[in-house]
């Protein structure tokens, strides 16, 4: 299950801070945030899980929760290091989870 299914008011601030309210194990809504620059990098114009500081070489960064499955999608135009720019998207639900009301990278 995507962390977005147990979240509300999800957004990305400053191009790299994922914020919102998540439900903890008691069902309470708690504020949560995760700096995506700490777990996503740029690998020659592609998002890279486990990397760092993707936003420093990206532009037009946006975030949406899509569809009935609440897929949390990060999109950006990423510098490929050779003068080109690639439009890319990343399903944040692949490696980010809700752990008792906290956003965690796995």
N, C-alpha and C. Protein backbone atom coordinates (compact mmCIF):
# COMPACT_ATOMS: atom_id res chain seq x y z
N UNK A 1 0.85 -1.18 0.00
CA UNK A 1 0.00 0.00 0.00
C UNK A 1 0.89 1.24 0.00
N UNK A 2 0.53 2.21 -0.81
CA UNK A 2 1.28 3.46 -0.89
C UNK A 2 1.10 4.28 0.39
N UNK A 3 2.17 4.95 0.81
CA UNK A 3 2.07 5.83 1.98
C UNK A 3 1.01 6.90 1.75
N UNK A 4 0.75 7.24 0.50
CA UNK A 4 -0.22 8.29 0.19
C UNK A 4 -1.64 7.89 0.58
N UNK A 5 -1.91 6.59 0.73
CA UNK A 5 -3.23 6.13 1.12
C UNK A 5 -3.51 6.36 2.60
N UNK A 6 -2.47 6.63 3.38
CA UNK A 6 -2.64 6.93 4.80
C UNK A 6 -2.15 8.34 5.10
N UNK A 7 -2.32 9.23 4.10
CA UNK A 7 -1.82 10.60 4.23
C UNK A 7 -2.86 11.59 3.74
N UNK A 8 -2.68 12.83 4.16
CA UNK A 8 -3.50 13.93 3.65
C UNK A 8 -2.62 15.16 3.51
N UNK A 9 -3.07 16.06 2.64
CA UNK A 9 -2.36 17.32 2.39
C UNK A 9 -0.90 17.11 1.98
N UNK A 10 -0.64 16.09 1.18
CA UNK A 10 0.72 15.85 0.71
C UNK A 10 1.13 16.91 -0.30
N UNK A 11 2.40 17.32 -0.20
CA UNK A 11 2.95 18.31 -1.12
C UNK A 11 4.46 18.21 -1.09
N UNK A 12 5.10 18.82 -2.07
CA UNK A 12 6.55 18.97 -2.06
C UNK A 12 6.84 20.46 -2.03
N UNK A 13 7.51 20.90 -0.97
CA UNK A 13 7.89 22.30 -0.79
C UNK A 13 9.35 22.50 -1.18
N UNK A 14 9.67 23.67 -1.68
CA UNK A 14 11.04 24.04 -2.03
C UNK A 14 11.69 23.06 -3.00
N UNK A 15 10.88 22.32 -3.74
CA UNK A 15 11.39 21.40 -4.74
C UNK A 15 11.94 20.08 -4.21
N UNK A 16 11.97 19.92 -2.86
CA UNK A 16 12.55 18.67 -2.37
C UNK A 16 12.07 18.23 -0.99
N UNK A 17 11.20 18.98 -0.32
CA UNK A 17 10.71 18.58 1.00
C UNK A 17 9.30 18.01 0.88
N UNK A 18 9.17 16.70 1.05
CA UNK A 18 7.86 16.05 1.03
C UNK A 18 7.22 16.26 2.39
N UNK A 19 6.03 16.86 2.39
CA UNK A 19 5.33 17.15 3.66
C UNK A 19 3.87 16.74 3.57
N UNK A 20 3.30 16.49 4.73
CA UNK A 20 1.89 16.19 4.83
C UNK A 20 1.57 15.69 6.23
N UNK A 21 0.35 15.20 6.39
CA UNK A 21 -0.05 14.57 7.64
C UNK A 21 -0.26 13.09 7.34
N UNK A 22 0.30 12.25 8.23
CA UNK A 22 0.18 10.81 8.09
C UNK A 22 -0.51 10.24 9.31
N UNK A 23 -1.22 9.15 9.11
CA UNK A 23 -1.85 8.46 10.24
C UNK A 23 -0.81 7.57 10.91
N UNK A 24 -0.80 7.64 12.25
CA UNK A 24 0.07 6.73 12.99
C UNK A 24 -0.74 5.48 13.36
N UNK A 25 -0.14 4.57 14.13
CA UNK A 25 -0.81 3.31 14.46
C UNK A 25 -2.06 3.50 15.31
N UNK A 26 -2.17 4.63 16.00
CA UNK A 26 -3.35 4.93 16.80
C UNK A 26 -4.46 5.58 15.98
N UNK A 27 -4.18 5.88 14.70
CA UNK A 27 -5.17 6.54 13.85
C UNK A 27 -5.12 8.05 13.93
N UNK A 28 -4.16 8.60 14.70
CA UNK A 28 -4.02 10.05 14.80
C UNK A 28 -3.28 10.59 13.58
N UNK A 29 -3.64 11.81 13.19
CA UNK A 29 -2.95 12.48 12.09
C UNK A 29 -1.78 13.28 12.67
N UNK A 30 -0.58 13.04 12.17
CA UNK A 30 0.60 13.73 12.65
C UNK A 30 1.36 14.34 11.47
N UNK A 31 1.98 15.49 11.72
CA UNK A 31 2.79 16.14 10.69
C UNK A 31 4.02 15.30 10.40
N UNK A 32 4.36 15.21 9.12
CA UNK A 32 5.53 14.43 8.72
C UNK A 32 6.22 15.14 7.56
N UNK A 33 7.54 14.95 7.49
CA UNK A 33 8.28 15.48 6.34
C UNK A 33 9.52 14.63 6.10
N UNK A 34 9.96 14.66 4.84
CA UNK A 34 11.17 13.95 4.44
C UNK A 34 11.85 14.78 3.37
N UNK A 35 13.14 15.05 3.56
CA UNK A 35 13.92 15.76 2.55
C UNK A 35 14.28 14.76 1.45
N UNK A 36 13.65 14.90 0.30
CA UNK A 36 13.89 13.96 -0.80
C UNK A 36 15.33 14.03 -1.31
N UNK A 37 16.01 15.16 -1.07
CA UNK A 37 17.42 15.26 -1.46
C UNK A 37 18.30 14.30 -0.67
N UNK A 38 17.79 13.76 0.42
CA UNK A 38 18.58 12.82 1.23
C UNK A 38 18.49 11.39 0.70
N UNK A 39 17.60 11.15 -0.27
CA UNK A 39 17.44 9.77 -0.75
C UNK A 39 17.26 9.64 -2.26
N UNK A 40 17.26 10.77 -2.99
CA UNK A 40 17.12 10.73 -4.44
C UNK A 40 18.21 11.60 -5.06
N UNK A 41 18.91 11.03 -6.02
CA UNK A 41 19.95 11.76 -6.72
C UNK A 41 19.67 11.84 -8.21
N UNK A 42 20.66 12.33 -8.94
CA UNK A 42 20.60 12.46 -10.39
C UNK A 42 21.68 11.57 -10.99
N UNK A 43 21.27 10.58 -11.77
CA UNK A 43 22.20 9.69 -12.46
C UNK A 43 22.10 9.97 -13.95
N UNK A 44 22.90 10.92 -14.41
CA UNK A 44 22.95 11.29 -15.83
C UNK A 44 21.56 11.57 -16.42
N UNK A 45 20.78 12.36 -15.69
CA UNK A 45 19.48 12.77 -16.19
C UNK A 45 18.33 11.87 -15.80
N UNK A 46 18.58 10.95 -14.87
CA UNK A 46 17.55 10.05 -14.37
C UNK A 46 17.51 10.13 -12.85
N UNK A 47 16.32 9.96 -12.28
CA UNK A 47 16.22 9.86 -10.84
C UNK A 47 17.02 8.64 -10.37
N UNK A 48 17.67 8.76 -9.22
CA UNK A 48 18.46 7.65 -8.67
C UNK A 48 18.12 7.46 -7.20
N UNK A 49 17.45 6.34 -6.88
CA UNK A 49 17.19 6.02 -5.47
C UNK A 49 18.52 5.80 -4.77
N UNK A 50 18.63 6.30 -3.56
CA UNK A 50 19.85 6.14 -2.78
C UNK A 50 20.89 7.20 -3.06
N UNK A 51 20.62 8.09 -4.01
CA UNK A 51 21.52 9.20 -4.30
C UNK A 51 21.16 10.40 -3.44
N UNK A 52 21.73 11.54 -3.80
CA UNK A 52 21.47 12.76 -3.04
C UNK A 52 21.36 13.97 -3.96
N UNK A 53 20.61 14.95 -3.50
CA UNK A 53 20.56 16.29 -4.08
C UNK A 53 20.07 16.37 -5.53
N UNK A 54 19.05 15.57 -5.88
CA UNK A 54 18.51 15.63 -7.23
C UNK A 54 18.04 17.03 -7.59
N UNK A 55 17.52 17.78 -6.61
CA UNK A 55 16.89 19.07 -6.93
C UNK A 55 17.91 20.11 -7.39
N UNK A 56 19.18 19.93 -7.05
CA UNK A 56 20.20 20.87 -7.47
C UNK A 56 20.44 20.87 -8.96
N UNK A 57 20.06 19.79 -9.64
CA UNK A 57 20.26 19.70 -11.08
C UNK A 57 18.93 19.46 -11.80
N UNK A 58 17.84 19.90 -11.17
CA UNK A 58 16.50 19.69 -11.74
C UNK A 58 15.73 21.00 -11.78
N UNK A 59 14.76 21.04 -12.66
CA UNK A 59 13.86 22.18 -12.73
C UNK A 59 12.44 21.67 -12.99
N UNK A 60 11.49 22.57 -12.88
CA UNK A 60 10.08 22.22 -13.08
C UNK A 60 9.67 21.02 -12.23
N UNK A 61 10.09 21.01 -10.97
CA UNK A 61 9.79 19.91 -10.05
C UNK A 61 8.35 20.04 -9.58
N UNK A 62 7.59 18.96 -9.72
CA UNK A 62 6.22 18.98 -9.21
C UNK A 62 5.85 17.60 -8.68
N UNK A 63 4.76 17.57 -7.93
CA UNK A 63 4.33 16.36 -7.24
C UNK A 63 2.82 16.25 -7.33
N UNK A 64 2.33 15.04 -7.60
CA UNK A 64 0.90 14.77 -7.61
C UNK A 64 0.64 13.38 -7.03
N UNK A 65 -0.56 13.20 -6.52
CA UNK A 65 -1.03 11.87 -6.11
C UNK A 65 -2.07 11.49 -7.15
N UNK A 66 -1.85 10.35 -7.82
CA UNK A 66 -2.64 10.01 -9.00
C UNK A 66 -3.41 8.71 -8.85
N UNK A 67 -4.62 8.72 -9.37
CA UNK A 67 -5.42 7.52 -9.52
C UNK A 67 -6.03 6.97 -8.25
N UNK A 68 -6.82 5.91 -8.42
CA UNK A 68 -7.50 5.26 -7.30
C UNK A 68 -6.52 4.62 -6.33
N UNK A 69 -5.32 4.27 -6.82
CA UNK A 69 -4.32 3.63 -5.97
C UNK A 69 -3.48 4.67 -5.22
N UNK A 70 -3.78 5.95 -5.39
CA UNK A 70 -3.05 7.03 -4.72
C UNK A 70 -1.55 6.92 -4.94
N UNK A 71 -1.14 6.90 -6.21
CA UNK A 71 0.28 6.79 -6.55
C UNK A 71 0.92 8.17 -6.40
N UNK A 72 1.94 8.29 -5.50
CA UNK A 72 2.61 9.57 -5.30
C UNK A 72 3.73 9.74 -6.33
N UNK A 73 3.56 10.68 -7.28
CA UNK A 73 4.48 10.81 -8.40
C UNK A 73 5.24 12.14 -8.33
N UNK A 74 6.56 12.04 -8.35
CA UNK A 74 7.45 13.19 -8.43
C UNK A 74 7.88 13.33 -9.88
N UNK A 75 7.78 14.55 -10.42
CA UNK A 75 8.20 14.81 -11.80
C UNK A 75 9.19 15.96 -11.80
N UNK A 76 10.13 15.89 -12.74
CA UNK A 76 11.12 16.96 -12.87
C UNK A 76 11.78 16.88 -14.24
N UNK A 77 12.37 17.99 -14.65
CA UNK A 77 13.25 18.03 -15.80
C UNK A 77 14.66 18.01 -15.22
N UNK A 78 15.42 16.95 -15.55
CA UNK A 78 16.70 16.69 -14.91
C UNK A 78 17.85 16.88 -15.91
N UNK A 79 18.87 17.61 -15.48
CA UNK A 79 20.08 17.84 -16.28
C UNK A 79 20.83 16.52 -16.45
N UNK A 80 21.21 16.20 -17.71
CA UNK A 80 21.89 14.93 -17.94
C UNK A 80 23.42 15.03 -17.88
N UNK A 81 23.95 16.22 -17.56
CA UNK A 81 25.39 16.40 -17.45
C UNK A 81 26.10 16.63 -18.77
N UNK A 82 25.36 16.54 -19.87
CA UNK A 82 25.92 16.75 -21.20
C UNK A 82 25.23 17.88 -21.94
N UNK A 83 24.55 18.76 -21.20
CA UNK A 83 23.85 19.87 -21.81
C UNK A 83 22.40 19.58 -22.14
N UNK A 84 21.96 18.36 -21.92
CA UNK A 84 20.57 17.99 -22.20
C UNK A 84 19.75 17.96 -20.93
N UNK A 85 18.44 17.88 -21.12
CA UNK A 85 17.51 17.83 -19.99
C UNK A 85 16.45 16.79 -20.30
N UNK A 86 16.16 15.95 -19.32
CA UNK A 86 15.19 14.87 -19.50
C UNK A 86 13.99 15.04 -18.58
N UNK A 87 12.79 14.90 -19.14
CA UNK A 87 11.57 14.89 -18.34
C UNK A 87 11.44 13.50 -17.74
N UNK A 88 11.43 13.42 -16.40
CA UNK A 88 11.36 12.12 -15.73
C UNK A 88 10.29 12.14 -14.65
N UNK A 89 9.80 10.95 -14.31
CA UNK A 89 8.87 10.82 -13.19
C UNK A 89 9.29 9.63 -12.34
N UNK A 90 8.90 9.70 -11.06
CA UNK A 90 9.30 8.68 -10.09
C UNK A 90 8.14 8.40 -9.15
N UNK A 91 7.80 7.14 -8.99
CA UNK A 91 6.78 6.73 -8.04
C UNK A 91 7.42 6.68 -6.65
N UNK A 92 7.13 7.67 -5.82
CA UNK A 92 7.73 7.74 -4.49
C UNK A 92 7.30 6.58 -3.60
N UNK A 93 6.17 5.95 -3.92
CA UNK A 93 5.70 4.81 -3.15
C UNK A 93 6.58 3.58 -3.28
N UNK A 94 7.49 3.57 -4.26
CA UNK A 94 8.39 2.44 -4.43
C UNK A 94 9.34 2.28 -3.24
N UNK A 95 9.78 3.41 -2.65
CA UNK A 95 10.81 3.33 -1.62
C UNK A 95 10.53 4.19 -0.39
N UNK A 96 9.39 4.88 -0.37
CA UNK A 96 9.04 5.69 0.79
C UNK A 96 7.78 5.10 1.42
N UNK A 97 7.80 4.99 2.75
CA UNK A 97 6.69 4.40 3.47
C UNK A 97 6.28 5.26 4.65
N UNK A 98 5.07 4.96 5.15
CA UNK A 98 4.59 5.54 6.40
C UNK A 98 4.93 4.55 7.50
N UNK A 99 5.81 4.96 8.41
CA UNK A 99 6.16 4.14 9.55
C UNK A 99 5.67 4.83 10.81
N UNK A 100 4.47 4.44 11.26
CA UNK A 100 3.85 5.01 12.45
C UNK A 100 3.80 6.54 12.41
N UNK A 101 3.41 7.07 11.26
CA UNK A 101 3.24 8.52 11.12
C UNK A 101 4.48 9.26 10.68
N UNK A 102 5.52 8.54 10.31
CA UNK A 102 6.75 9.18 9.81
C UNK A 102 7.03 8.70 8.40
N UNK A 103 7.48 9.62 7.55
CA UNK A 103 7.92 9.27 6.21
C UNK A 103 9.33 8.71 6.29
N UNK A 104 9.51 7.49 5.80
CA UNK A 104 10.83 6.86 5.85
C UNK A 104 11.21 6.31 4.48
N UNK A 105 12.50 6.42 4.17
CA UNK A 105 13.06 5.86 2.94
C UNK A 105 13.55 4.45 3.24
N UNK A 106 13.14 3.50 2.41
CA UNK A 106 13.57 2.10 2.63
C UNK A 106 14.41 1.62 1.45
